[in-house]
Amino acid sequence: MIKRITTWLEIHASTPAYSGWVLVGVAVCFFGAGINTMAGWLYVLSGVGFALLSVAAILPPRSLQGLIVKRHPIEPVIAGDDLTVQIEIINPKKQDVILLQITDLLSFVLGKPQKQAIEIIPAQKSYHWIYYQPTVRRGVYRWQTVELASGAPLGLFWCRRQHHCTATAVVYPVVLPLTDCPLIDEIGRENSLRADLSCSRPLQTANEALVRSLRPYRLGDPIRLIHWRTSARYGQLRLRELEMMSGGQDTIIALDSAASWQEENFEQAVITAASLYFYAQRQQIQVQLWTASTGLVRGQRAVLETLAKTNANEDITNECPQRYPLIWLTENPLTLAFLPQGSRWVLWPSTKASSEKVIVNQNQRGVVLQPHQPLQSQLQQTLTTQFVPM
């Protein structure tokens, strides 16, 4: 109860510091002694003490009055990097403000409040405070309170004033630097072959809108652009330079965010989705991301922001597309039996799994991830068979 009262006084008025309470006790003692002895000098000493306390209680709130606090936008970062937080304190008054403390009350999941002592803010000038906040996990973090505190100039009383400064910090998931990925490469190759079959003329025809030219394969070229029939005819790998890679059909990376997940598995699934998306873009494949709450999303920034804020057990506000092949990221093996033809999947085994098996269509191969092995190397391994343990 006492702490509540003290906190309320600090925010709305001022409260004595330890030295202030000592001076209060001394002044009361002098006043009591003066009453008993009727000595005038004791009244004088007690009066000086109470006057000093009155001045010390008034000055700190006045020094904080009129200050303006502004927050600069926070640039998004990748999980593990530091957020750069910038706050500006403007002093529009005609006198200097000295000896104050600023505290940024961060979201508790992001870290402890950050504090900074400020010696002086000159009249009609501003003070820029920049600090770096470490991040561990992806997410969207919000907080809105900055506190200014002061006990100047005597230090006998202490006061705080809160300022509403909304902050939004976006921490993106880590993107793994995949050098190859069968999940993407095979779907991309199938899309290209499907586009080939839809053309009634040979692919070498320059008038076809799909193919611009054929050239020899060079190290580092995407495998999905190899024209296999021509390569077999000439006995040498030939690469197609296409005007349109997949006949207008996008590869969809779908995260099963509506399901229940183990926390560690879901974080790996988010990292996997980001890594697959950027790998597909590097391979010049048209790609989109799907989650239960946002539906289909395209574009690097939009995808990263979607993955930063997504969570397990989301409400399904957008149905997953069933007309096109998917790369399905899930912890529930029962969902694999209902994927569109030609889909691929990544499965995280759950500790609640049983010993039964789910038989998946042989055209829907995928990867069963092992919990104690590096995620990057597992995403680059050969796709598994159609028998998936639950």
Protein backbone atom coordinates (compact mmCIF):
# COMPACT_ATOMS: atom_id res chain seq x y z
CA MET A 1 0.00 0.00 0.00
CA ILE A 2 2.82 2.39 0.92
CA LYS A 3 4.60 1.60 -2.35
CA ARG A 4 1.44 2.36 -4.32
CA ILE A 5 1.09 5.73 -2.62
CA THR A 6 4.76 6.54 -3.21
CA THR A 7 4.52 5.59 -6.89
CA TRP A 8 1.39 7.70 -7.34
CA LEU A 9 3.09 10.70 -5.72
CA GLU A 10 6.20 10.29 -7.90
CA ILE A 11 4.12 10.31 -11.11
CA HIS A 12 1.61 13.02 -10.17
CA ALA A 13 3.57 15.24 -7.76
CA SER A 14 6.86 14.35 -6.00
CA THR A 15 7.98 12.16 -3.14
CA PRO A 16 10.87 12.52 -0.68
CA ALA A 17 14.09 10.70 -1.39
CA TYR A 18 16.02 9.07 1.46
CA SER A 19 17.84 12.31 2.20
CA GLY A 20 14.51 14.12 2.12
CA TRP A 21 13.06 11.81 4.78
CA VAL A 22 16.14 12.42 6.95
CA LEU A 23 15.67 16.17 6.68
CA VAL A 24 11.96 15.81 7.49
CA GLY A 25 12.91 13.92 10.68
CA VAL A 26 15.52 16.52 11.67
CA ALA A 27 13.12 19.44 11.09
CA VAL A 28 10.39 17.75 13.16
CA CYS A 29 12.88 17.10 15.98
CA PHE A 30 13.99 20.75 15.98
CA PHE A 31 10.38 21.89 16.04
CA GLY A 32 9.55 19.54 18.95
CA ALA A 33 12.61 20.68 20.88
CA GLY A 34 11.64 24.29 20.28
CA ILE A 35 8.19 23.67 21.76
CA ASN A 36 9.71 22.09 24.87
CA THR A 37 12.44 24.67 25.45
CA MET A 38 10.81 27.72 23.89
CA ALA A 39 14.22 28.46 22.28
CA GLY A 40 13.83 30.69 19.26
CA TRP A 41 16.86 29.38 17.39
CA LEU A 42 15.31 25.90 17.35
CA TYR A 43 12.18 27.32 15.66
CA VAL A 44 14.46 29.02 13.13
CA LEU A 45 16.30 25.81 12.33
CA SER A 46 13.08 23.84 11.94
CA GLY A 47 11.59 26.61 9.77
CA VAL A 48 14.67 26.60 7.51
CA GLY A 49 14.38 22.81 7.18
CA PHE A 50 10.70 22.93 6.21
CA ALA A 51 11.32 25.80 3.74
CA LEU A 52 14.13 23.81 2.14
CA LEU A 53 11.84 20.79 1.83
CA SER A 54 9.10 22.90 0.23
CA VAL A 55 11.48 24.29 -2.39
CA ALA A 56 12.92 20.80 -3.04
CA ALA A 57 9.39 19.40 -3.59
CA ILE A 58 8.43 22.08 -6.13
CA LEU A 59 11.55 22.33 -8.32
CA PRO A 60 11.80 18.77 -9.79
CA PRO A 61 8.28 18.77 -11.30
CA ARG A 62 8.88 22.24 -12.71
CA SER A 63 12.14 21.12 -14.36
CA LEU A 64 10.31 18.29 -16.20
CA GLN A 65 7.33 20.42 -17.18
CA GLY A 66 7.16 21.29 -20.89
CA LEU A 67 9.69 18.74 -22.14
CA ILE A 68 8.72 16.99 -25.41
CA VAL A 69 9.66 13.36 -26.08
CA LYS A 70 9.70 11.99 -29.63
CA ARG A 71 10.56 8.50 -30.82
CA HIS A 72 12.07 7.73 -34.22
CA PRO A 73 10.78 4.74 -36.23
CA ILE A 74 12.60 1.48 -35.48
CA GLU A 75 14.03 -0.34 -38.49
CA PRO A 76 13.26 -4.08 -38.70
CA VAL A 77 16.11 -6.50 -37.97
CA ILE A 78 16.80 -10.21 -38.25
CA ALA A 79 16.53 -12.25 -35.04
CA GLY A 80 19.90 -12.12 -33.26
CA ASP A 81 20.70 -8.58 -34.44
CA ASP A 82 20.32 -5.47 -32.29
CA LEU A 83 17.42 -3.05 -32.60
CA THR A 84 18.47 0.58 -32.95
CA VAL A 85 16.17 2.69 -30.76
CA GLN A 86 16.32 6.49 -31.04
CA ILE A 87 14.53 8.90 -28.69
CA GLU A 88 14.71 12.69 -28.84
CA ILE A 89 14.02 14.93 -25.81
CA ILE A 90 13.27 18.52 -26.81
CA ASN A 91 13.62 21.41 -24.37
CA PRO A 92 11.53 24.32 -25.70
CA LYS A 93 12.02 26.39 -22.52
CA LYS A 94 14.33 29.39 -22.11
CA GLN A 95 16.34 27.80 -19.30
CA ASP A 96 18.51 24.71 -19.22
CA VAL A 97 17.26 21.44 -17.78
CA ILE A 98 19.83 19.58 -15.70
CA LEU A 99 20.27 16.21 -14.01
CA LEU A 100 17.44 14.03 -15.27
CA GLN A 101 17.03 10.37 -16.12
CA ILE A 102 15.16 8.85 -19.06
CA THR A 103 13.74 5.32 -18.97
CA ASP A 104 12.29 3.43 -21.94
CA LEU A 105 9.82 0.84 -20.60
CA LEU A 106 10.34 -1.99 -23.07
CA SER A 107 7.99 -4.90 -23.63
CA PHE A 108 8.87 -7.43 -20.94
CA VAL A 109 9.42 -10.21 -23.51
CA LEU A 110 12.00 -8.05 -25.28
CA GLY A 111 14.07 -7.05 -22.26
CA LYS A 112 14.40 -4.95 -19.14
CA PRO A 113 13.75 -1.17 -19.16
CA GLN A 114 16.62 0.87 -20.60
CA LYS A 115 17.84 3.90 -18.61
CA GLN A 116 20.08 6.83 -19.43
CA ALA A 117 21.30 9.71 -17.22
CA ILE A 118 21.35 13.15 -18.84
CA GLU A 119 23.52 15.88 -17.39
CA ILE A 120 22.03 18.86 -19.23
CA ILE A 121 19.68 19.76 -22.06
CA PRO A 122 20.42 23.35 -23.13
CA ALA A 123 17.60 25.85 -23.57
CA GLN A 124 15.68 25.41 -26.85
CA LYS A 125 17.87 22.46 -27.79
CA SER A 126 17.31 18.72 -27.93
CA TYR A 127 19.06 15.60 -26.68
CA HIS A 128 19.31 12.48 -28.84
CA TRP A 129 19.46 9.15 -27.06
CA ILE A 130 20.41 6.08 -29.10
CA TYR A 131 20.70 2.61 -27.62
CA TYR A 132 20.88 -0.90 -29.02
CA GLN A 133 18.56 -3.62 -27.78
CA PRO A 134 19.59 -7.26 -28.40
CA THR A 135 17.00 -9.61 -29.87
CA VAL A 136 16.71 -13.37 -29.54
CA ARG A 137 13.46 -14.41 -31.22
CA ARG A 138 11.41 -13.15 -34.12
CA GLY A 139 8.20 -11.28 -33.37
CA VAL A 140 6.44 -7.93 -33.41
CA TYR A 141 7.08 -6.05 -30.15
CA ARG A 142 5.12 -3.01 -29.00
CA TRP A 143 5.51 -0.63 -26.07
CA GLN A 144 4.43 2.94 -25.49
CA THR A 145 5.83 4.55 -22.33
CA VAL A 146 8.91 6.71 -21.77
CA GLU A 147 9.56 8.11 -18.29
CA LEU A 148 11.51 11.23 -17.37
CA ALA A 149 12.66 11.48 -13.76
CA SER A 150 14.49 14.18 -11.84
CA GLY A 151 15.51 15.16 -8.31
CA ALA A 152 17.28 18.37 -9.33
CA PRO A 153 18.59 20.57 -7.99
CA LEU A 154 18.74 19.49 -4.33
CA GLY A 155 18.05 15.76 -4.57
CA LEU A 156 15.69 15.81 -1.58
CA PHE A 157 12.56 14.96 -3.62
CA TRP A 158 12.11 12.72 -6.64
CA CYS A 159 9.47 12.85 -9.37
CA ARG A 160 8.64 11.02 -12.61
CA ARG A 161 6.58 12.03 -15.60
CA GLN A 162 5.34 9.52 -18.20
CA HIS A 163 5.16 10.28 -21.93
CA HIS A 164 3.17 8.24 -24.45
CA CYS A 165 5.55 7.29 -27.28
CA THR A 166 4.32 4.26 -29.20
CA ALA A 167 7.06 1.92 -30.46
CA THR A 168 6.74 -1.02 -32.85
CA ALA A 169 9.79 -3.22 -33.40
CA VAL A 170 9.64 -5.97 -36.03
CA VAL A 171 12.14 -8.80 -35.66
CA TYR A 172 12.28 -11.00 -38.76
CA PRO A 173 13.02 -14.74 -38.62
CA VAL A 174 16.46 -16.00 -39.61
CA VAL A 175 16.88 -16.84 -43.31
CA LEU A 176 19.17 -19.82 -43.89
CA PRO A 177 21.61 -19.50 -46.84
CA LEU A 178 20.53 -22.62 -48.75
CA THR A 179 22.86 -23.61 -51.60
CA ASP A 180 20.37 -26.15 -52.98
CA CYS A 181 16.94 -27.37 -51.96
CA PRO A 182 15.20 -30.37 -53.56
CA LEU A 183 11.85 -29.19 -52.20
CA ILE A 184 12.01 -26.10 -54.41
CA ASP A 185 14.10 -27.47 -57.27
CA GLU A 186 11.80 -30.43 -58.01
CA ILE A 187 8.60 -28.37 -57.92
CA GLY A 188 10.23 -25.72 -60.11
CA ARG A 189 11.33 -28.36 -62.60
CA GLU A 190 7.86 -29.92 -62.66
CA ASN A 191 6.27 -26.52 -63.27
CA SER A 192 8.64 -25.91 -66.18
CA LEU A 193 7.92 -29.31 -67.73
CA ARG A 194 4.20 -28.71 -67.30
CA ALA A 195 4.58 -25.40 -69.13
CA ASP A 196 6.52 -27.19 -71.87
CA LEU A 197 3.72 -29.72 -72.43
CA SER A 198 1.16 -26.94 -72.71
CA CYS A 199 2.96 -25.57 -75.79
CA SER A 200 1.98 -27.02 -79.16
CA ARG A 201 5.21 -25.88 -80.90
CA PRO A 202 8.82 -26.86 -80.23
CA LEU A 203 10.46 -24.85 -77.46
CA GLN A 204 13.25 -23.74 -79.79
CA THR A 205 10.85 -21.60 -81.78
CA ALA A 206 11.70 -17.98 -81.15
CA ASN A 207 8.11 -16.91 -81.68
CA GLU A 208 6.95 -18.89 -78.60
CA ALA A 209 6.40 -16.56 -75.65
CA LEU A 210 7.81 -19.07 -73.15
CA VAL A 211 11.36 -19.49 -74.51
CA ARG A 212 13.77 -16.82 -75.57
CA SER A 213 16.78 -19.05 -76.36
CA LEU A 214 18.74 -22.18 -75.42
CA ARG A 215 22.35 -22.09 -74.24
CA PRO A 216 24.87 -24.52 -72.69
CA TYR A 217 24.58 -25.13 -68.97
CA ARG A 218 27.06 -23.25 -66.77
CA LEU A 219 28.03 -24.04 -63.19
CA GLY A 220 25.66 -22.31 -60.79
CA ASP A 221 22.69 -22.17 -63.17
CA PRO A 222 19.35 -23.34 -61.66
CA ILE A 223 18.66 -27.00 -62.45
CA ARG A 224 14.98 -26.32 -63.03
CA LEU A 225 15.77 -24.36 -66.24
CA ILE A 226 17.52 -27.31 -67.92
CA HIS A 227 15.65 -28.52 -71.00
CA TRP A 228 15.95 -32.25 -70.51
CA ARG A 229 14.73 -33.45 -73.93
CA THR A 230 17.17 -31.24 -75.82
CA SER A 231 19.99 -32.17 -73.42
CA ALA A 232 19.30 -35.87 -74.04
CA ARG A 233 19.30 -35.32 -77.82
CA TYR A 234 22.66 -33.50 -77.86
CA GLY A 235 24.29 -35.35 -74.95
CA GLN A 236 25.02 -32.02 -73.28
CA LEU A 237 23.06 -30.02 -70.73
CA ARG A 238 21.16 -27.16 -72.36
CA LEU A 239 19.57 -24.32 -70.37
CA ARG A 240 16.47 -22.41 -71.36
CA GLU A 241 16.16 -18.65 -71.00
CA LEU A 242 12.43 -18.27 -70.45
CA GLU A 243 10.23 -15.24 -70.70
CA MET A 244 7.85 -16.87 -68.24
CA MET A 245 9.23 -19.54 -65.94
CA SER A 246 6.17 -21.52 -64.83
CA GLY A 247 3.34 -20.68 -67.13
CA GLY A 248 1.86 -18.22 -64.63
CA GLN A 249 1.64 -20.84 -61.86
CA ASP A 250 3.14 -19.86 -58.52
CA THR A 251 4.85 -22.14 -56.05
CA ILE A 252 3.02 -21.82 -52.71
CA ILE A 253 4.81 -22.30 -49.39
CA ALA A 254 2.06 -23.08 -46.87
CA LEU A 255 2.63 -22.93 -43.11
CA ASP A 256 0.11 -24.95 -41.09
CA SER A 257 -0.31 -22.13 -38.56
CA ALA A 258 -3.88 -23.12 -37.64
CA ALA A 259 -2.66 -26.32 -35.96
CA SER A 260 -1.21 -26.87 -32.49
CA TRP A 261 2.58 -26.95 -32.46
CA GLN A 262 5.40 -27.50 -30.06
CA GLU A 263 7.01 -24.10 -29.62
CA GLU A 264 10.48 -25.07 -30.83
CA ASN A 265 9.09 -26.88 -33.88
CA PHE A 266 6.97 -23.90 -34.88
CA GLU A 267 9.95 -21.54 -34.69
CA GLN A 268 11.87 -23.91 -36.97
CA ALA A 269 8.90 -24.01 -39.34
CA VAL A 270 8.89 -20.21 -39.59
CA ILE A 271 12.63 -20.20 -40.34
CA THR A 272 12.05 -22.90 -42.95
CA ALA A 273 9.28 -20.92 -44.65
CA ALA A 274 11.48 -17.80 -44.86
CA SER A 275 14.46 -19.77 -46.15
CA LEU A 276 12.45 -21.60 -48.82
CA TYR A 277 10.83 -18.35 -49.99
CA PHE A 278 14.14 -16.55 -50.48
CA TYR A 279 15.75 -19.58 -52.09
CA ALA A 280 12.88 -19.79 -54.58
CA GLN A 281 13.30 -16.12 -55.41
CA ARG A 282 17.01 -16.61 -56.03
CA GLN A 283 16.10 -19.40 -58.43
CA GLN A 284 13.74 -17.01 -60.26
CA ILE A 285 10.66 -19.01 -59.31
CA GLN A 286 7.34 -17.28 -58.78
CA VAL A 287 6.52 -17.97 -55.15
CA GLN A 288 3.95 -16.99 -52.52
CA LEU A 289 3.53 -17.65 -48.80
CA TRP A 290 0.30 -18.85 -47.16
CA THR A 291 -0.66 -18.71 -43.49
CA ALA A 292 -4.05 -19.27 -41.90
CA SER A 293 -4.54 -15.67 -40.78
CA THR A 294 -3.15 -13.75 -43.78
CA GLY A 295 -3.76 -16.01 -46.77
CA LEU A 296 -1.45 -15.64 -49.76
CA VAL A 297 1.34 -13.07 -49.40
CA ARG A 298 3.96 -11.99 -51.92
CA GLY A 299 7.00 -9.72 -51.66
CA GLN A 300 10.06 -9.93 -49.42
CA ARG A 301 9.04 -7.36 -46.81
CA ALA A 302 5.42 -8.55 -46.63
CA VAL A 303 6.52 -12.17 -46.24
CA LEU A 304 9.03 -11.37 -43.51
CA GLU A 305 6.51 -9.27 -41.58
CA THR A 306 3.90 -12.03 -41.91
CA LEU A 307 6.34 -14.62 -40.57
CA ALA A 308 7.46 -12.29 -37.78
CA LYS A 309 3.95 -12.01 -36.34
CA THR A 310 2.48 -15.44 -37.11
CA ASN A 311 1.68 -17.85 -34.28
CA ALA A 312 0.41 -21.38 -33.88
CA ASN A 313 -3.33 -22.00 -33.33
CA GLU A 314 -4.34 -19.09 -35.54
CA ASP A 315 -7.93 -18.77 -36.73
CA ILE A 316 -8.42 -19.83 -40.33
CA THR A 317 -9.58 -16.66 -42.08
CA ASN A 318 -8.29 -17.74 -45.51
CA GLU A 319 -8.60 -21.24 -46.91
CA CYS A 320 -5.45 -22.88 -48.23
CA PRO A 321 -5.42 -23.14 -52.06
CA GLN A 322 -6.03 -26.72 -53.24
CA ARG A 323 -5.73 -26.23 -57.00
CA TYR A 324 -1.94 -25.95 -57.12
CA PRO A 325 0.90 -28.01 -55.62
CA LEU A 326 2.07 -26.84 -52.19
CA ILE A 327 5.16 -27.03 -50.05
CA TRP A 328 3.34 -27.91 -46.82
CA LEU A 329 5.05 -27.25 -43.45
CA THR A 330 3.31 -29.13 -40.64
CA GLU A 331 3.60 -31.11 -37.44
CA ASN A 332 0.48 -33.16 -38.16
CA PRO A 333 1.15 -36.12 -40.51
CA LEU A 334 -2.58 -36.71 -41.04
CA THR A 335 -2.76 -33.57 -43.20
CA LEU A 336 -0.30 -35.02 -45.73
CA ALA A 337 -2.94 -37.33 -47.20
CA PHE A 338 -5.04 -34.37 -48.36
CA LEU A 339 -2.42 -32.36 -50.24
CA PRO A 340 -2.90 -31.49 -53.94
CA GLN A 341 -1.21 -33.70 -56.51
CA GLY A 342 2.52 -33.01 -56.87
CA SER A 343 2.89 -31.28 -53.52
CA ARG A 344 5.93 -31.49 -51.26
CA TRP A 345 6.02 -31.39 -47.47
CA VAL A 346 8.23 -30.84 -44.43
CA LEU A 347 7.19 -32.73 -41.30
CA TRP A 348 8.28 -32.07 -37.71
CA PRO A 349 7.75 -35.20 -35.58
CA SER A 350 5.74 -34.52 -32.44
CA THR A 351 6.49 -36.05 -29.04
CA LYS A 352 2.82 -37.07 -28.93
CA ALA A 353 3.18 -39.13 -32.10
CA SER A 354 2.11 -42.76 -32.26
CA SER A 355 3.81 -45.69 -33.98
CA GLU A 356 1.32 -45.84 -36.87
CA LYS A 357 2.15 -44.86 -40.42
CA VAL A 358 0.49 -42.60 -42.93
CA ILE A 359 0.80 -43.56 -46.59
CA VAL A 360 1.33 -40.52 -48.77
CA ASN A 361 0.99 -40.39 -52.54
CA GLN A 362 4.30 -41.30 -54.16
CA ASN A 363 4.29 -37.97 -56.03
CA GLN A 364 4.17 -36.10 -52.72
CA ARG A 365 7.57 -36.67 -51.24
CA GLY A 366 9.07 -34.55 -48.50
CA VAL A 367 11.45 -34.26 -45.56
CA VAL A 368 11.01 -35.62 -42.04
CA LEU A 369 13.13 -33.39 -39.81
CA GLN A 370 15.14 -34.76 -36.91
CA PRO A 371 15.17 -32.57 -33.78
CA HIS A 372 18.90 -32.75 -32.99
CA GLN A 373 20.31 -32.22 -36.48
CA PRO A 374 21.08 -28.88 -38.21
CA LEU A 375 18.02 -27.50 -39.98
CA GLN A 376 19.94 -26.16 -42.99
CA SER A 377 21.55 -29.49 -43.90
CA GLN A 378 18.22 -31.31 -43.54
CA LEU A 379 16.48 -28.92 -45.95
CA GLN A 380 19.18 -29.67 -48.51
CA GLN A 381 18.89 -33.46 -48.27
CA THR A 382 17.15 -35.81 -50.72
CA LEU A 383 13.40 -36.11 -50.30
CA THR A 384 12.11 -39.10 -48.36
CA THR A 385 9.81 -41.98 -49.40
CA GLN A 386 6.03 -42.04 -49.29
CA PHE A 387 5.84 -43.85 -45.91
CA VAL A 388 5.69 -41.31 -43.12
CA PRO A 389 5.71 -42.30 -39.42
CA MET A 390 3.19 -40.50 -37.27
